[in-house]
Amino acid sequence: MGTTKLSSKGQIVLPKSVRQARGWEPGTEFVVEATEDGVHLRVKTPFPRTELDNVFGSVRYKGRPKSLEQMSEAVKRAAGRRYRRAVQR
């Protein structure tokens, strides 16, 4: 555990050992929350946390159900098209 100071600009430098242990690089964004004991700092996630029940079935499909084999083949075809487009550029 290290110590740090609050600068006149309101900045705090996190000790290098903490940054390295967590893999935090320059530009890492954090959420800062005031708590009873002080401040809680956590890495900001790009998307809010969701539960499967909140999003399951949100994309509707009209048509006959597809088998796993049909879905796998469709994914392979789409990946192939994307690859060929990327190579042509």
PDB file of N, CA and C in Angstrom:
ATOM      1  N   MET A   1       0.850  -1.172   0.000  1.00  0.00           N
ATOM      2  CA  MET A   1       0.000   0.000   0.000  1.00  0.00           C
ATOM      3  C   MET A   1       0.895   1.235   0.000  1.00  0.00           C
ATOM      4  N   GLY A   2       0.575   2.223  -0.813  1.00  0.00           N
ATOM      5  CA  GLY A   2       1.329   3.468  -0.862  1.00  0.00           C
ATOM      6  C   GLY A   2       0.477   4.623  -0.402  1.00  0.00           C
ATOM      7  N   THR A   3       1.090   5.782  -0.349  1.00  0.00           N
ATOM      8  CA  THR A   3       0.351   6.993   0.009  1.00  0.00           C
ATOM      9  C   THR A   3       0.490   7.986  -1.135  1.00  0.00           C
ATOM     10  N   THR A   4      -0.399   8.952  -1.159  1.00  0.00           N
ATOM     11  CA  THR A   4      -0.397   9.975  -2.198  1.00  0.00           C
ATOM     12  C   THR A   4      -1.003  11.244  -1.626  1.00  0.00           C
ATOM     13  N   LYS A   5      -0.907  12.337  -2.369  1.00  0.00           N
ATOM     14  CA  LYS A   5      -1.462  13.620  -1.932  1.00  0.00           C
ATOM     15  C   LYS A   5      -2.416  14.163  -2.985  1.00  0.00           C
ATOM     16  N   LEU A   6      -3.330  14.990  -2.538  1.00  0.00           N
ATOM     17  CA  LEU A   6      -4.231  15.706  -3.423  1.00  0.00           C
ATOM     18  C   LEU A   6      -3.517  16.958  -3.898  1.00  0.00           C
ATOM     19  N   SER A   7      -3.441  17.177  -5.204  1.00  0.00           N
ATOM     20  CA  SER A   7      -2.752  18.363  -5.732  1.00  0.00           C
ATOM     21  C   SER A   7      -3.661  19.585  -5.664  1.00  0.00           C
ATOM     22  N   SER A   8      -3.093  20.740  -5.949  1.00  0.00           N
ATOM     23  CA  SER A   8      -3.879  21.987  -5.955  1.00  0.00           C
ATOM     24  C   SER A   8      -4.932  21.968  -7.067  1.00  0.00           C
ATOM     25  N   LYS A   9      -4.755  21.091  -8.044  1.00  0.00           N
ATOM     26  CA  LYS A   9      -5.726  20.957  -9.143  1.00  0.00           C
ATOM     27  C   LYS A   9      -6.763  19.870  -8.858  1.00  0.00           C
ATOM     28  N   GLY A  10      -6.706  19.272  -7.669  1.00  0.00           N
ATOM     29  CA  GLY A  10      -7.660  18.230  -7.310  1.00  0.00           C
ATOM     30  C   GLY A  10      -7.298  16.869  -7.869  1.00  0.00           C
ATOM     31  N   GLN A  11      -6.048  16.672  -8.244  1.00  0.00           N
ATOM     32  CA  GLN A  11      -5.610  15.411  -8.822  1.00  0.00           C
ATOM     33  C   GLN A  11      -4.903  14.537  -7.791  1.00  0.00           C
ATOM     34  N   ILE A  12      -5.032  13.244  -7.984  1.00  0.00           N
ATOM     35  CA  ILE A  12      -4.356  12.267  -7.136  1.00  0.00           C
ATOM     36  C   ILE A  12      -3.572  11.336  -8.050  1.00  0.00           C
ATOM     37  N   VAL A  13      -2.326  11.088  -7.716  1.00  0.00           N
ATOM     38  CA  VAL A  13      -1.509  10.144  -8.478  1.00  0.00           C
ATOM     39  C   VAL A  13      -1.593   8.789  -7.789  1.00  0.00           C
ATOM     40  N   LEU A  14      -2.005   7.778  -8.536  1.00  0.00           N
ATOM     41  CA  LEU A  14      -2.055   6.428  -7.981  1.00  0.00           C
ATOM     42  C   LEU A  14      -0.649   5.842  -8.018  1.00  0.00           C
ATOM     43  N   PRO A  15      -0.224   5.185  -6.956  1.00  0.00           N
ATOM     44  CA  PRO A  15       1.115   4.602  -6.934  1.00  0.00           C
ATOM     45  C   PRO A  15       1.332   3.648  -8.113  1.00  0.00           C
ATOM     46  N   LYS A  16       2.547   3.671  -8.643  1.00  0.00           N
ATOM     47  CA  LYS A  16       2.887   2.846  -9.804  1.00  0.00           C
ATOM     48  C   LYS A  16       2.611   1.368  -9.544  1.00  0.00           C
ATOM     49  N   SER A  17       2.906   0.905  -8.338  1.00  0.00           N
ATOM     50  CA  SER A  17       2.683  -0.512  -8.023  1.00  0.00           C
ATOM     51  C   SER A  17       1.205  -0.891  -8.165  1.00  0.00           C
ATOM     52  N   VAL A  18       0.306   0.022  -7.791  1.00  0.00           N
ATOM     53  CA  VAL A  18      -1.135  -0.233  -7.911  1.00  0.00           C
ATOM     54  C   VAL A  18      -1.532  -0.245  -9.387  1.00  0.00           C
ATOM     55  N   ARG A  19      -1.064   0.732 -10.159  1.00  0.00           N
ATOM     56  CA  ARG A  19      -1.387   0.806 -11.591  1.00  0.00           C
ATOM     57  C   ARG A  19      -0.901  -0.443 -12.319  1.00  0.00           C
ATOM     58  N   GLN A  20       0.315  -0.870 -12.012  1.00  0.00           N
ATOM     59  CA  GLN A  20       0.865  -2.059 -12.672  1.00  0.00           C
ATOM     60  C   GLN A  20       0.111  -3.321 -12.272  1.00  0.00           C
ATOM     61  N   ALA A  21      -0.206  -3.445 -10.996  1.00  0.00           N
ATOM     62  CA  ALA A  21      -0.917  -4.637 -10.515  1.00  0.00           C
ATOM     63  C   ALA A  21      -2.288  -4.765 -11.186  1.00  0.00           C
ATOM     64  N   ARG A  22      -2.935  -3.652 -11.448  1.00  0.00           N
ATOM     65  CA  ARG A  22      -4.266  -3.648 -12.058  1.00  0.00           C
ATOM     66  C   ARG A  22      -4.224  -3.574 -13.583  1.00  0.00           C
ATOM     67  N   GLY A  23      -3.063  -3.255 -14.139  1.00  0.00           N
ATOM     68  CA  GLY A  23      -2.961  -3.119 -15.596  1.00  0.00           C
ATOM     69  C   GLY A  23      -3.595  -1.845 -16.116  1.00  0.00           C
ATOM     70  N   TRP A  24      -3.639  -0.813 -15.292  1.00  0.00           N
ATOM     71  CA  TRP A  24      -4.237   0.462 -15.687  1.00  0.00           C
ATOM     72  C   TRP A  24      -3.227   1.289 -16.466  1.00  0.00           C
ATOM     73  N   GLU A  25      -3.583   1.619 -17.688  1.00  0.00           N
ATOM     74  CA  GLU A  25      -2.744   2.421 -18.571  1.00  0.00           C
ATOM     75  C   GLU A  25      -3.246   3.866 -18.568  1.00  0.00           C
ATOM     76  N   PRO A  26      -2.429   4.813 -19.051  1.00  0.00           N
ATOM     77  CA  PRO A  26      -2.911   6.197 -19.186  1.00  0.00           C
ATOM     78  C   PRO A  26      -4.184   6.213 -20.033  1.00  0.00           C
ATOM     79  N   GLY A  27      -5.144   7.004 -19.617  1.00  0.00           N
ATOM     80  CA  GLY A  27      -6.422   7.091 -20.327  1.00  0.00           C
ATOM     81  C   GLY A  27      -7.507   6.204 -19.749  1.00  0.00           C
ATOM     82  N   THR A  28      -7.162   5.324 -18.813  1.00  0.00           N
ATOM     83  CA  THR A  28      -8.172   4.482 -18.171  1.00  0.00           C
ATOM     84  C   THR A  28      -9.164   5.388 -17.450  1.00  0.00           C
ATOM     85  N   GLU A  29     -10.451   5.154 -17.668  1.00  0.00           N
ATOM     86  CA  GLU A  29     -11.486   5.977 -17.024  1.00  0.00           C
ATOM     87  C   GLU A  29     -12.016   5.268 -15.783  1.00  0.00           C
ATOM     88  N   PHE A  30     -12.334   6.079 -14.787  1.00  0.00           N
ATOM     89  CA  PHE A  30     -12.812   5.558 -13.516  1.00  0.00           C
ATOM     90  C   PHE A  30     -14.127   6.208 -13.118  1.00  0.00           C
ATOM     91  N   VAL A  31     -14.900   5.482 -12.337  1.00  0.00           N
ATOM     92  CA  VAL A  31     -16.089   6.013 -11.680  1.00  0.00           C
ATOM     93  C   VAL A  31     -15.678   6.276 -10.244  1.00  0.00           C
ATOM     94  N   VAL A  32     -15.966   7.476  -9.740  1.00  0.00           N
ATOM     95  CA  VAL A  32     -15.605   7.855  -8.377  1.00  0.00           C
ATOM     96  C   VAL A  32     -16.891   7.993  -7.573  1.00  0.00           C
ATOM     97  N   GLU A  33     -16.980   7.255  -6.477  1.00  0.00           N
ATOM     98  CA  GLU A  33     -18.175   7.284  -5.638  1.00  0.00           C
ATOM     99  C   GLU A  33     -17.785   7.633  -4.209  1.00  0.00           C
ATOM    100  N   ALA A  34     -18.488   8.587  -3.637  1.00  0.00           N
ATOM    101  CA  ALA A  34     -18.265   8.941  -2.233  1.00  0.00           C
ATOM    102  C   ALA A  34     -18.921   7.873  -1.357  1.00  0.00           C
ATOM    103  N   THR A  35     -18.196   7.426  -0.332  1.00  0.00           N
ATOM    104  CA  THR A  35     -18.731   6.436   0.609  1.00  0.00           C
ATOM    105  C   THR A  35     -18.588   6.995   2.016  1.00  0.00           C
ATOM    106  N   GLU A  36     -19.137   6.281   3.000  1.00  0.00           N
ATOM    107  CA  GLU A  36     -19.005   6.709   4.396  1.00  0.00           C
ATOM    108  C   GLU A  36     -17.554   6.759   4.831  1.00  0.00           C
ATOM    109  N   ASP A  37     -16.771   5.787   4.343  1.00  0.00           N
ATOM    110  CA  ASP A  37     -15.373   5.679   4.758  1.00  0.00           C
ATOM    111  C   ASP A  37     -14.419   6.527   3.926  1.00  0.00           C
ATOM    112  N   GLY A  38     -14.850   7.041   2.802  1.00  0.00           N
ATOM    113  CA  GLY A  38     -13.965   7.826   1.945  1.00  0.00           C
ATOM    114  C   GLY A  38     -14.450   7.834   0.511  1.00  0.00           C
ATOM    115  N   VAL A  39     -13.631   7.304  -0.388  1.00  0.00           N
ATOM    116  CA  VAL A  39     -13.946   7.315  -1.816  1.00  0.00           C
ATOM    117  C   VAL A  39     -13.723   5.920  -2.384  1.00  0.00           C
ATOM    118  N   HIS A  40     -14.632   5.492  -3.234  1.00  0.00           N
ATOM    119  CA  HIS A  40     -14.504   4.215  -3.925  1.00  0.00           C
ATOM    120  C   HIS A  40     -14.201   4.514  -5.387  1.00  0.00           C
ATOM    121  N   LEU A  41     -13.147   3.917  -5.900  1.00  0.00           N
ATOM    122  CA  LEU A  41     -12.701   4.139  -7.269  1.00  0.00           C
ATOM    123  C   LEU A  41     -12.796   2.820  -8.015  1.00  0.00           C
ATOM    124  N   ARG A  42     -13.493   2.799  -9.155  1.00  0.00           N
ATOM    125  CA  ARG A  42     -13.565   1.575  -9.953  1.00  0.00           C
ATOM    126  C   ARG A  42     -13.476   1.926 -11.430  1.00  0.00           C
ATOM    127  N   VAL A  43     -12.972   0.990 -12.214  1.00  0.00           N
ATOM    128  CA  VAL A  43     -12.811   1.208 -13.646  1.00  0.00           C
ATOM    129  C   VAL A  43     -14.188   1.323 -14.291  1.00  0.00           C
ATOM    130  N   LYS A  44     -14.329   2.298 -15.156  1.00  0.00           N
ATOM    131  CA  LYS A  44     -15.586   2.512 -15.869  1.00  0.00           C
ATOM    132  C   LYS A  44     -15.716   1.454 -16.963  1.00  0.00           C
ATOM    133  N   THR A  45     -16.870   0.800 -17.016  1.00  0.00           N
ATOM    134  CA  THR A  45     -17.122  -0.185 -18.057  1.00  0.00           C
ATOM    135  C   THR A  45     -17.767   0.519 -19.243  1.00  0.00           C
ATOM    136  N   PRO A  46     -17.513   0.032 -20.462  1.00  0.00           N
ATOM    137  CA  PRO A  46     -18.055   0.726 -21.637  1.00  0.00           C
ATOM    138  C   PRO A  46     -19.573   0.670 -21.733  1.00  0.00           C
ATOM    139  N   PHE A  47     -20.191  -0.326 -21.121  1.00  0.00           N
ATOM    140  CA  PHE A  47     -21.637  -0.467 -21.174  1.00  0.00           C
ATOM    141  C   PHE A  47     -22.164  -0.726 -19.774  1.00  0.00           C
ATOM    142  N   PRO A  48     -23.375  -0.273 -19.480  1.00  0.00           N
ATOM    143  CA  PRO A  48     -23.925  -0.581 -18.165  1.00  0.00           C
ATOM    144  C   PRO A  48     -24.123  -2.090 -18.019  1.00  0.00           C
ATOM    145  N   ARG A  49     -23.944  -2.563 -16.818  1.00  0.00           N
ATOM    146  CA  ARG A  49     -24.125  -3.990 -16.547  1.00  0.00           C
ATOM    147  C   ARG A  49     -25.594  -4.351 -16.765  1.00  0.00           C
ATOM    148  N   THR A  50     -25.843  -5.440 -17.471  1.00  0.00           N
ATOM    149  CA  THR A  50     -27.215  -5.888 -17.725  1.00  0.00           C
ATOM    150  C   THR A  50     -27.341  -7.354 -17.362  1.00  0.00           C
ATOM    151  N   GLU A  51     -28.535  -7.766 -17.148  1.00  0.00           N
ATOM    152  CA  GLU A  51     -28.840  -9.164 -16.877  1.00  0.00           C
ATOM    153  C   GLU A  51     -29.478  -9.759 -18.125  1.00  0.00           C
ATOM    154  N   LEU A  52     -29.260 -11.030 -18.351  1.00  0.00           N
ATOM    155  CA  LEU A  52     -29.796 -11.694 -19.529  1.00  0.00           C
ATOM    156  C   LEU A  52     -31.308 -11.532 -19.629  1.00  0.00           C
ATOM    157  N   ASP A  53     -31.996 -11.606 -18.505  1.00  0.00           N
ATOM    158  CA  ASP A  53     -33.456 -11.474 -18.518  1.00  0.00           C
ATOM    159  C   ASP A  53     -33.910 -10.121 -19.061  1.00  0.00           C
ATOM    160  N   ASN A  54     -33.052  -9.087 -18.930  1.00  0.00           N
ATOM    161  CA  ASN A  54     -33.424  -7.751 -19.409  1.00  0.00           C
ATOM    162  C   ASN A  54     -33.320  -7.625 -20.928  1.00  0.00           C
ATOM    163  N   VAL A  55     -32.525  -8.460 -21.559  1.00  0.00           N
ATOM    164  CA  VAL A  55     -32.310  -8.318 -23.001  1.00  0.00           C
ATOM    165  C   VAL A  55     -32.736  -9.539 -23.804  1.00  0.00           C
ATOM    166  N   PHE A  56     -32.987 -10.663 -23.144  1.00  0.00           N
ATOM    167  CA  PHE A  56     -33.351 -11.885 -23.845  1.00  0.00           C
ATOM    168  C   PHE A  56     -34.634 -11.668 -24.634  1.00  0.00           C
ATOM    169  N   GLY A  57     -34.595 -12.018 -25.886  1.00  0.00           N
ATOM    170  CA  GLY A  57     -35.778 -11.888 -26.726  1.00  0.00           C
ATOM    171  C   GLY A  57     -36.008 -10.479 -27.241  1.00  0.00           C
ATOM    172  N   SER A  58     -35.035  -9.590 -27.093  1.00  0.00           N
ATOM    173  CA  SER A  58     -35.243  -8.212 -27.519  1.00  0.00           C
ATOM    174  C   SER A  58     -35.170  -8.062 -29.035  1.00  0.00           C
ATOM    175  N   VAL A  59     -34.551  -9.013 -29.713  1.00  0.00           N
ATOM    176  CA  VAL A  59     -34.488  -8.983 -31.171  1.00  0.00           C
ATOM    177  C   VAL A  59     -35.464 -10.025 -31.683  1.00  0.00           C
ATOM    178  N   ARG A  60     -36.499  -9.559 -32.308  1.00  0.00           N
ATOM    179  CA  ARG A  60     -37.543 -10.467 -32.785  1.00  0.00           C
ATOM    180  C   ARG A  60     -37.164 -11.031 -34.148  1.00  0.00           C
ATOM    181  N   TYR A  61     -37.530 -12.261 -34.383  1.00  0.00           N
ATOM    182  CA  TYR A  61     -37.310 -12.922 -35.661  1.00  0.00           C
ATOM    183  C   TYR A  61     -38.635 -13.471 -36.134  1.00  0.00           C
ATOM    184  N   LYS A  62     -38.986 -13.126 -37.359  1.00  0.00           N
ATOM    185  CA  LYS A  62     -40.210 -13.666 -37.949  1.00  0.00           C
ATOM    186  C   LYS A  62     -39.797 -14.650 -39.026  1.00  0.00           C
ATOM    187  N   GLY A  63     -40.266 -15.830 -38.931  1.00  0.00           N
ATOM    188  CA  GLY A  63     -39.919 -16.858 -39.907  1.00  0.00           C
ATOM    189  C   GLY A  63     -39.782 -18.199 -39.220  1.00  0.00           C
ATOM    190  N   ARG A  64     -39.388 -19.183 -40.015  1.00  0.00           N
ATOM    191  CA  ARG A  64     -39.227 -20.523 -39.468  1.00  0.00           C
ATOM    192  C   ARG A  64     -37.982 -20.567 -38.591  1.00  0.00           C
ATOM    193  N   PRO A  65     -38.035 -21.310 -37.493  1.00  0.00           N
ATOM    194  CA  PRO A  65     -36.856 -21.432 -36.638  1.00  0.00           C
ATOM    195  C   PRO A  65     -35.691 -22.051 -37.401  1.00  0.00           C
ATOM    196  N   LYS A  66     -34.474 -21.614 -37.088  1.00  0.00           N
ATOM    197  CA  LYS A  66     -33.258 -22.125 -37.726  1.00  0.00           C
ATOM    198  C   LYS A  66     -32.579 -23.118 -36.795  1.00  0.00           C
ATOM    199  N   SER A  67     -31.930 -24.095 -37.379  1.00  0.00           N
ATOM    200  CA  SER A  67     -31.175 -25.060 -36.580  1.00  0.00           C
ATOM    201  C   SER A  67     -29.813 -24.452 -36.236  1.00  0.00           C
ATOM    202  N   LEU A  68     -29.125 -25.052 -35.284  1.00  0.00           N
ATOM    203  CA  LEU A  68     -27.790 -24.583 -34.931  1.00  0.00           C
ATOM    204  C   LEU A  68     -26.848 -24.683 -36.133  1.00  0.00           C
ATOM    205  N   GLU A  69     -26.990 -25.745 -36.923  1.00  0.00           N
ATOM    206  CA  GLU A  69     -26.151 -25.909 -38.107  1.00  0.00           C
ATOM    207  C   GLU A  69     -26.399 -24.773 -39.109  1.00  0.00           C
ATOM    208  N   GLN A  70     -27.658 -24.413 -39.325  1.00  0.00           N
ATOM    209  CA  GLN A  70     -27.984 -23.320 -40.243  1.00  0.00           C
ATOM    210  C   GLN A  70     -27.408 -21.990 -39.734  1.00  0.00           C
ATOM    211  N   MET A  71     -27.510 -21.756 -38.432  1.00  0.00           N
ATOM    212  CA  MET A  71     -26.966 -20.518 -37.878  1.00  0.00           C
ATOM    213  C   MET A  71     -25.447 -20.485 -38.009  1.00  0.00           C
ATOM    214  N   SER A  72     -24.787 -21.613 -37.752  1.00  0.00           N
ATOM    215  CA  SER A  72     -23.327 -21.673 -37.881  1.00  0.00           C
ATOM    216  C   SER A  72     -22.895 -21.400 -39.309  1.00  0.00           C
ATOM    217  N   GLU A  73     -23.580 -21.969 -40.266  1.00  0.00           N
ATOM    218  CA  GLU A  73     -23.248 -21.738 -41.680  1.00  0.00           C
ATOM    219  C   GLU A  73     -23.450 -20.268 -42.052  1.00  0.00           C
ATOM    220  N   ALA A  74     -24.509 -19.657 -41.563  1.00  0.00           N
ATOM    221  CA  ALA A  74     -24.763 -18.241 -41.854  1.00  0.00           C
ATOM    222  C   ALA A  74     -23.655 -17.366 -41.271  1.00  0.00           C
ATOM    223  N   VAL A  75     -23.186 -17.688 -40.080  1.00  0.00           N
ATOM    224  CA  VAL A  75     -22.100 -16.933 -39.457  1.00  0.00           C
ATOM    225  C   VAL A  75     -20.825 -17.088 -40.284  1.00  0.00           C
ATOM    226  N   LYS A  76     -20.520 -18.307 -40.718  1.00  0.00           N
ATOM    227  CA  LYS A  76     -19.329 -18.553 -41.540  1.00  0.00           C
ATOM    228  C   LYS A  76     -19.390 -17.762 -42.849  1.00  0.00           C
ATOM    229  N   ARG A  77     -20.555 -17.761 -43.498  1.00  0.00           N
ATOM    230  CA  ARG A  77     -20.692 -17.014 -44.763  1.00  0.00           C
ATOM    231  C   ARG A  77     -20.480 -15.520 -44.540  1.00  0.00           C
ATOM    232  N   ALA A  78     -21.083 -14.984 -43.472  1.00  0.00           N
ATOM    233  CA  ALA A  78     -20.941 -13.552 -43.187  1.00  0.00           C
ATOM    234  C   ALA A  78     -19.490 -13.209 -42.852  1.00  0.00           C
ATOM    235  N   ALA A  79     -18.818 -14.067 -42.091  1.00  0.00           N
ATOM    236  CA  ALA A  79     -17.412 -13.822 -41.753  1.00  0.00           C
ATOM    237  C   ALA A  79     -16.559 -13.854 -43.015  1.00  0.00           C
ATOM    238  N   GLY A  80     -16.846 -14.774 -43.915  1.00  0.00           N
ATOM    239  CA  GLY A  80     -16.113 -14.858 -45.179  1.00  0.00           C
ATOM    240  C   GLY A  80     -16.298 -13.609 -46.016  1.00  0.00           C
ATOM    241  N   ARG A  81     -17.529 -13.096 -46.084  1.00  0.00           N
ATOM    242  CA  ARG A  81     -17.788 -11.861 -46.845  1.00  0.00           C
ATOM    243  C   ARG A  81     -17.018 -10.691 -46.252  1.00  0.00           C
ATOM    244  N   ARG A  82     -17.037 -10.572 -44.929  1.00  0.00           N
ATOM    245  CA  ARG A  82     -16.303  -9.476 -44.270  1.00  0.00           C
ATOM    246  C   ARG A  82     -14.807  -9.586 -44.523  1.00  0.00           C
ATOM    247  N   TYR A  83     -14.288 -10.803 -44.455  1.00  0.00           N
ATOM    248  CA  TYR A  83     -12.849 -11.000 -44.684  1.00  0.00           C
ATOM    249  C   TYR A  83     -12.479 -10.600 -46.117  1.00  0.00           C
ATOM    250  N   ARG A  84     -13.271 -11.068 -47.091  1.00  0.00           N
ATOM    251  CA  ARG A  84     -12.964 -10.741 -48.490  1.00  0.00           C
ATOM    252  C   ARG A  84     -13.026  -9.236 -48.740  1.00  0.00           C
ATOM    253  N   ARG A  85     -13.991  -8.550 -48.118  1.00  0.00           N
ATOM    254  CA  ARG A  85     -14.075  -7.082 -48.271  1.00  0.00           C
ATOM    255  C   ARG A  85     -12.862  -6.410 -47.666  1.00  0.00           C
ATOM    256  N   ALA A  86     -12.431  -6.887 -46.488  1.00  0.00           N
ATOM    257  CA  ALA A  86     -11.271  -6.288 -45.810  1.00  0.00           C
ATOM    258  C   ALA A  86      -9.994  -6.499 -46.615  1.00  0.00           C
ATOM    259  N   VAL A  87      -9.838  -7.660 -47.238  1.00  0.00           N
ATOM    260  CA  VAL A  87      -8.633  -7.967 -48.017  1.00  0.00           C
ATOM    261  C   VAL A  87      -8.604  -7.132 -49.294  1.00  0.00           C
ATOM    262  N   GLN A  88      -9.746  -6.856 -49.867  1.00  0.00           N
ATOM    263  CA  GLN A  88      -9.816  -6.093 -51.122  1.00  0.00           C
ATOM    264  C   GLN A  88      -9.454  -4.629 -50.942  1.00  0.00           C
ATOM    265  N   ARG A  89      -9.525  -4.110 -49.747  1.00  0.00           N
ATOM    266  CA  ARG A  89      -9.246  -2.680 -49.516  1.00  0.00           C
ATOM    267  C   ARG A  89      -7.812  -2.348 -49.663  1.00  0.00           C
TER     268      ARG A  89
END
